[in-house]
Protein backbone atom coordinates (compact mmCIF):
# COMPACT_ATOMS: atom_id res chain seq x y z
CA MET A 1 15.15 2.54 5.49
CA GLY A 2 18.37 4.69 4.61
CA ASP A 3 18.83 8.02 4.37
CA ASP A 4 19.49 7.93 0.66
CA LEU A 5 15.43 7.48 -0.16
CA PRO A 6 13.45 10.84 -0.35
CA ALA A 7 10.87 11.34 1.89
CA PRO A 8 7.43 9.87 1.64
CA ARG A 9 4.87 11.25 -1.33
CA VAL A 10 0.75 11.24 -0.71
CA ALA A 11 -0.72 10.32 -3.91
CA VAL A 12 -4.77 9.87 -3.74
CA ALA A 13 -5.94 6.71 -6.57
CA VAL A 14 -9.67 6.20 -7.75
CA ILE A 15 -11.00 3.37 -8.57
CA ILE A 16 -13.97 4.02 -11.02
CA VAL A 17 -16.31 1.17 -10.62
CA ARG A 18 -19.46 0.35 -13.53
CA GLU A 19 -21.48 -2.89 -12.51
CA ASN A 20 -18.56 -5.75 -12.69
CA SER A 21 -16.15 -3.30 -14.40
CA VAL A 22 -13.58 -1.48 -13.20
CA LEU A 23 -11.71 1.83 -15.68
CA MET A 24 -8.42 1.29 -16.21
CA GLY A 25 -5.19 2.63 -18.75
CA LYS A 26 -1.80 1.90 -19.51
CA ARG A 27 0.77 3.72 -17.79
CA LEU A 28 3.21 5.80 -20.22
CA SER A 29 5.68 7.05 -17.80
CA THR A 30 9.48 6.30 -16.65
CA VAL A 31 7.80 5.21 -13.39
CA GLY A 32 6.16 1.40 -13.67
CA ASP A 33 5.92 1.82 -17.96
CA SER A 34 3.32 -0.07 -19.55
CA THR A 35 1.82 -1.14 -16.69
CA TYR A 36 -2.00 -0.88 -15.82
CA ALA A 37 -3.45 1.31 -13.35
CA THR A 38 -6.43 3.48 -12.33
CA SER A 39 -6.49 7.10 -11.57
CA TRP A 40 -3.78 8.55 -9.17
CA CYS A 41 -3.04 12.07 -7.27
CA SER A 42 0.48 13.40 -6.15
CA ASN A 43 2.04 15.85 -3.71
CA TYR A 44 5.02 15.46 -5.92
CA ASN A 45 5.04 15.35 -9.39
CA PHE A 46 1.81 15.39 -12.06
CA LEU A 47 0.98 11.76 -12.84
CA GLY A 48 2.14 11.64 -16.52
CA VAL A 49 5.62 12.63 -15.13
CA ASP A 50 6.48 10.21 -12.56
CA PHE A 51 5.26 7.46 -9.66
CA PHE A 52 1.63 6.61 -10.89
CA ASP A 53 1.61 6.27 -14.83
CA ALA A 54 2.06 2.54 -14.79
CA LEU A 55 -1.55 0.34 -15.88
CA LYS A 56 -3.23 3.59 -15.00
CA LEU A 57 -5.94 4.04 -12.40
CA PHE A 58 -6.78 7.60 -11.85
CA ALA A 59 -3.37 9.16 -9.45
CA TYR A 60 -4.38 13.10 -9.30
CA LEU A 61 -2.04 16.26 -8.12
CA HIS A 62 -3.25 17.17 -4.86
CA ARG A 63 -4.14 20.82 -3.91
CA LEU A 64 -3.88 22.76 -1.30
CA GLY A 65 -6.76 22.19 0.96
CA GLU A 66 -8.56 20.12 -1.41
CA THR A 67 -10.38 17.31 0.13
CA TRP A 68 -9.82 13.89 -0.95
CA GLU A 69 -13.14 13.51 -2.74
CA GLU A 70 -12.80 16.74 -4.17
CA CYS A 71 -9.27 16.21 -5.93
CA ALA A 72 -10.77 12.28 -7.61
CA ALA A 73 -13.65 14.18 -8.77
CA ARG A 74 -11.58 16.87 -10.48
CA GLU A 75 -8.77 14.64 -11.60
CA VAL A 76 -11.01 11.68 -13.36
CA ARG A 77 -12.45 15.19 -15.06
CA ASP A 78 -9.93 15.90 -16.22
CA GLU A 79 -8.25 12.75 -17.31
CA THR A 80 -11.26 11.55 -18.76
CA GLY A 81 -13.77 13.75 -19.03
CA LEU A 82 -15.94 11.94 -16.68
CA ASP A 83 -18.29 13.31 -13.97
CA VAL A 84 -18.00 10.69 -10.97
CA GLU A 85 -20.11 10.19 -7.60
CA LYS A 86 -19.71 8.53 -4.45
CA VAL A 87 -16.81 8.59 -3.72
CA GLU A 88 -15.60 7.09 -0.74
CA PHE A 89 -12.54 5.82 1.03
CA VAL A 90 -11.34 2.04 0.17
CA THR A 91 -7.72 2.16 1.81
CA VAL A 92 -4.07 3.42 2.04
CA THR A 93 -1.19 1.58 0.68
CA ASN A 94 2.72 1.84 1.57
CA ASN A 95 5.20 1.50 -1.26
CA VAL A 96 8.56 1.54 -1.51
CA LEU A 97 9.91 1.67 -4.94
CA ARG A 98 13.49 0.43 -4.55
CA SER A 99 13.87 -0.33 -8.16
CA GLU A 100 13.49 2.66 -10.01
CA ALA A 101 16.10 4.81 -11.05
CA ARG A 102 15.46 7.04 -8.69
CA PRO A 103 13.76 5.84 -5.80
CA LYS A 104 10.12 6.14 -4.14
CA HIS A 105 8.56 5.98 -1.53
CA TYR A 106 4.41 6.42 -1.62
CA VAL A 107 1.75 6.27 0.77
CA THR A 108 -1.64 6.27 -1.63
CA ILE A 109 -4.72 6.66 -1.04
CA ILE A 110 -7.75 4.76 -2.62
CA MET A 111 -10.88 5.64 -3.12
CA ARG A 112 -13.80 4.20 -4.95
CA CYS A 113 -16.79 6.55 -6.95
CA VAL A 114 -19.18 5.40 -10.26
CA LEU A 115 -20.07 7.20 -13.05
CA HIS A 116 -22.49 10.18 -13.05
CA ASP A 117 -24.41 8.87 -15.70
CA PRO A 118 -23.04 5.16 -16.42
CA ASP A 119 -23.99 5.86 -20.04
CA GLN A 120 -20.96 8.44 -20.18
CA THR A 121 -18.20 7.71 -22.41
CA SER A 122 -14.27 7.81 -21.38
CA LEU A 123 -11.68 10.21 -23.60
CA ASN A 124 -8.07 9.78 -23.20
CA LEU A 125 -7.19 13.41 -22.15
CA GLU A 126 -3.71 12.80 -21.68
CA PRO A 127 -2.87 10.69 -24.14
CA ASP A 128 1.01 11.57 -23.19
CA LYS A 129 0.53 10.40 -19.60
CA CYS A 130 -2.14 7.39 -20.75
CA GLY A 131 -2.15 4.75 -23.66
CA GLY A 132 -6.27 4.99 -23.76
CA TRP A 133 -8.60 4.03 -20.86
CA GLU A 134 -10.87 0.63 -20.96
CA TRP A 135 -13.30 -0.98 -18.82
CA TYR A 136 -12.31 -4.67 -17.44
CA GLU A 137 -13.47 -6.67 -15.44
CA TRP A 138 -12.65 -7.13 -11.57
CA ASP A 139 -11.51 -11.40 -12.63
CA ASN A 140 -9.64 -10.24 -15.73
CA LEU A 141 -7.64 -7.47 -14.97
CA ARG A 142 -5.20 -6.24 -17.41
CA LYS A 143 -1.16 -7.75 -16.33
CA PRO A 144 1.10 -5.85 -15.04
CA LEU A 145 -0.36 -3.99 -12.49
CA PHE A 146 0.87 -1.53 -10.86
CA PRO A 147 2.67 -1.95 -7.86
CA PRO A 148 0.02 -0.24 -5.21
CA LEU A 149 -3.11 -1.87 -7.26
CA GLN A 150 -1.26 -5.46 -6.57
């Protein structure tokens, strides 16, 4: 990797599972615009402004001293109004985005959780960052997927 790239940033992505479905949203951002993702948590920029705004899973701003689990639950609540539980580690991805106007390098910690109450309804509490939340079956996810989810 060349010296022209910024230092890697750490993000937490959250996959909310309900039976055979996952909650996803369409990102509204310069990075990954119009791709689909879950929710994310980053130490770089708040997600609606940068990297994790594609088909949006959840990605979040990781606060000092906060565990990955705390970060995931807080940001899911802040973005969707949903309360989650059983937050657990899934995997880590290493993504270098050289094709962006400003290349980026993210190490993404992917977490999984379930709804505290399966009958909860998601709200789009950050409409400037997400085109809305929808449930998609695992074998029928929207495309294009945001690179860390592929």
